[in-house]
Amino acid sequence: MARYIITDADKITRTDTYLVKVECADGGCFEELEPRRLFPHTNLNQYITLLDSSKKEIAMIKDLATIAPDSRQAIEDCFFDYYMIPEITEILHVEDKFGVLKWRVMTDRGEIEFSIRNRHSDIKLLGKKRLLVRDSNDNRYKVCDIANLSKSSIKKIYSYL
């Protein structure tokens, strides 16, 4: 059975791009664990599982807010690399050509152009403000809060939501 990591006394350190080491307050130590979000699109900071090399759950973090800041940073650093999903900050151009949407957007990683084949399944509104977009090459992009986009950007995508 997995153990819960809920105290500041449990220490998590990053040991590789996607791996962490967990030193528990009771003296237990687990190495080479992979942190993964159980709800990667809707519940980013809660229910984090820590898997060993055979993908068996060793530990669980109910909420990142309950662990020490250094431990939380180690987990977030792993997530940044693993869940590398560019955030769309501005929608520069959208064109509908023969049923394929061609988007040109500015992201937190620079300007990107991509196509979307199925607007009904590849553009998802998560909750009331988050948007997840999947292009024809299965790359993903996110908008954390639609309200933070410019009025021009919102107008360009409004009919596709």
Protein backbone atom coordinates (compact mmCIF):
# COMPACT_ATOMS: atom_id res chain seq x y z
CA MET A 1 0.00 0.00 0.00
CA ALA A 2 1.28 3.46 -0.88
CA ARG A 3 2.17 5.87 1.87
CA TYR A 4 1.05 9.46 2.01
CA ILE A 5 3.57 12.26 2.10
CA ILE A 6 1.92 15.01 4.10
CA THR A 7 4.47 16.62 6.39
CA ASP A 8 7.23 19.16 6.06
CA ALA A 9 9.51 16.54 7.62
CA ASP A 10 9.33 14.33 4.50
CA LYS A 11 12.03 15.47 2.08
CA ILE A 12 11.86 15.14 -1.71
CA THR A 13 14.86 15.91 -3.91
CA ARG A 14 15.19 15.76 -7.67
CA THR A 15 17.79 13.24 -8.82
CA ASP A 16 17.24 13.21 -12.59
CA THR A 17 15.07 14.88 -15.23
CA TYR A 18 11.94 12.99 -14.19
CA LEU A 19 13.04 11.27 -10.96
CA VAL A 20 13.00 12.13 -7.27
CA LYS A 21 14.27 10.65 -4.02
CA VAL A 22 11.96 10.60 -0.99
CA GLU A 23 13.35 10.60 2.54
CA CYS A 24 10.50 10.07 4.98
CA ALA A 25 10.34 11.46 8.50
CA ASP A 26 10.09 7.90 9.88
CA GLY A 27 13.45 6.98 8.32
CA GLY A 28 12.19 5.30 5.15
CA CYS A 29 13.91 6.20 1.90
CA PHE A 30 12.78 5.61 -1.68
CA GLU A 31 14.88 6.39 -4.74
CA GLU A 32 14.19 6.74 -8.45
CA LEU A 33 10.50 7.61 -8.11
CA GLU A 34 8.60 9.23 -10.97
CA PRO A 35 6.05 11.88 -9.92
CA ARG A 36 2.90 11.91 -12.05
CA ARG A 37 -0.31 13.89 -11.82
CA LEU A 38 -3.39 11.70 -11.53
CA PHE A 39 -5.50 14.54 -12.95
CA PRO A 40 -3.06 16.39 -15.26
CA HIS A 41 -5.66 18.65 -16.86
CA THR A 42 -8.03 19.48 -14.05
CA ASN A 43 -6.25 19.10 -10.71
CA LEU A 44 -2.64 20.09 -11.23
CA ASN A 45 -1.45 20.32 -7.63
CA GLN A 46 -3.40 17.56 -5.94
CA TYR A 47 -3.16 13.78 -6.02
CA ILE A 48 0.40 13.30 -7.17
CA THR A 49 1.52 9.69 -7.38
CA LEU A 50 5.15 8.58 -7.01
CA LEU A 51 5.92 5.49 -9.08
CA ASP A 52 8.89 3.14 -8.92
CA SER A 53 10.66 1.79 -12.03
CA SER A 54 8.00 -0.93 -12.48
CA LYS A 55 5.25 1.75 -12.37
CA LYS A 56 4.05 0.60 -8.94
CA GLU A 57 2.71 3.37 -6.73
CA ILE A 58 5.03 3.83 -3.74
CA ALA A 59 3.73 7.11 -2.32
CA MET A 60 1.06 9.74 -2.85
CA ILE A 61 1.00 13.48 -2.26
CA LYS A 62 -2.57 14.65 -1.67
CA ASP A 63 -1.74 18.31 -2.13
CA LEU A 64 1.55 19.99 -3.07
CA ALA A 65 0.63 22.88 -0.76
CA THR A 66 1.08 20.57 2.26
CA ILE A 67 4.73 19.65 1.66
CA ALA A 68 7.92 21.63 2.26
CA PRO A 69 8.73 24.34 -0.34
CA ASP A 70 11.97 22.62 -1.45
CA SER A 71 10.14 19.33 -1.92
CA ARG A 72 7.34 21.03 -3.81
CA GLN A 73 9.90 22.71 -6.09
CA ALA A 74 11.55 19.34 -6.85
CA ILE A 75 8.18 17.92 -7.94
CA GLU A 76 7.29 21.01 -9.98
CA ASP A 77 10.67 20.92 -11.75
CA CYS A 78 10.00 17.31 -12.81
CA PHE A 79 6.55 18.29 -14.04
CA PHE A 80 7.90 21.23 -16.01
CA ASP A 81 10.07 18.88 -18.07
CA TYR A 82 7.63 15.95 -18.26
CA TYR A 83 4.45 17.90 -19.02
CA MET A 84 6.09 20.37 -21.37
CA ILE A 85 2.95 21.94 -22.78
CA PRO A 86 3.46 25.39 -24.26
CA GLU A 87 1.07 28.00 -22.94
CA ILE A 88 -0.67 30.08 -25.59
CA THR A 89 -0.39 33.74 -24.63
CA GLU A 90 -1.81 35.26 -27.81
CA ILE A 91 -3.65 33.99 -30.88
CA LEU A 92 -2.15 35.75 -33.87
CA HIS A 93 -4.13 34.17 -36.70
CA VAL A 94 -6.74 31.46 -37.26
CA GLU A 95 -7.71 30.29 -40.73
CA ASP A 96 -10.27 27.64 -41.65
CA LYS A 97 -9.20 25.99 -44.90
CA PHE A 98 -11.05 22.91 -46.18
CA GLY A 99 -12.16 21.96 -42.67
CA VAL A 100 -8.66 22.23 -41.21
CA LEU A 101 -7.95 25.04 -38.76
CA LYS A 102 -4.54 26.63 -39.16
CA TRP A 103 -3.40 28.53 -36.08
CA ARG A 104 -0.48 30.87 -35.57
CA VAL A 105 0.02 31.60 -31.89
CA MET A 106 2.50 33.14 -29.49
CA THR A 107 3.41 30.85 -26.59
CA ASP A 108 5.64 31.08 -23.57
CA ARG A 109 8.20 29.26 -25.78
CA GLY A 110 7.86 31.46 -28.87
CA GLU A 111 5.72 31.69 -31.99
CA ILE A 112 4.24 28.42 -33.27
CA GLU A 113 2.09 27.44 -36.24
CA PHE A 114 -0.02 24.29 -36.21
CA SER A 115 -3.12 22.69 -37.72
CA ILE A 116 -6.18 21.21 -36.05
CA ARG A 117 -8.19 18.60 -37.95
CA ASN A 118 -11.16 18.08 -35.62
CA ARG A 119 -12.21 21.23 -33.82
CA HIS A 120 -14.83 19.35 -31.77
CA SER A 121 -12.42 16.90 -30.15
CA ASP A 122 -9.12 18.81 -30.37
CA ILE A 123 -10.20 22.05 -28.68
CA LYS A 124 -11.43 21.37 -25.15
CA LEU A 125 -12.68 23.85 -22.60
CA LEU A 126 -11.71 22.58 -19.15
CA GLY A 127 -13.92 24.18 -16.56
CA LYS A 128 -14.86 27.76 -17.36
CA LYS A 129 -11.46 29.26 -18.10
CA ARG A 130 -8.84 26.66 -19.13
CA LEU A 131 -8.37 25.53 -22.70
CA LEU A 132 -6.49 22.50 -24.03
CA VAL A 133 -5.67 22.35 -27.74
CA ARG A 134 -4.27 19.32 -29.60
CA ASP A 135 -2.79 19.76 -33.06
CA SER A 136 -2.72 17.30 -35.96
CA ASN A 137 0.70 16.02 -34.80
CA ASP A 138 -0.70 15.25 -31.32
CA ASN A 139 1.17 18.14 -29.68
CA ARG A 140 -0.70 19.88 -26.90
CA TYR A 141 -1.02 23.56 -26.02
CA LYS A 142 -2.81 25.19 -23.13
CA VAL A 143 -4.47 28.43 -22.17
CA CYS A 144 -4.53 28.67 -18.38
CA ASP A 145 -7.15 31.44 -18.29
CA ILE A 146 -9.00 32.55 -21.40
CA ALA A 147 -9.77 35.88 -19.71
CA ASN A 148 -6.04 36.69 -19.76
CA LEU A 149 -5.96 36.59 -23.57
CA SER A 150 -6.36 39.83 -25.49
CA LYS A 151 -9.82 40.72 -26.80
CA SER A 152 -8.51 40.13 -30.31
CA SER A 153 -7.33 36.61 -29.39
CA ILE A 154 -10.65 35.73 -27.75
CA LYS A 155 -12.55 36.96 -30.81
CA LYS A 156 -10.43 34.74 -33.11
CA ILE A 157 -11.25 31.55 -31.21
CA TYR A 158 -14.70 32.32 -29.77
CA SER A 159 -16.64 30.47 -32.48
CA TYR A 160 -14.54 27.32 -31.94
CA LEU A 161 -15.23 27.02 -28.20
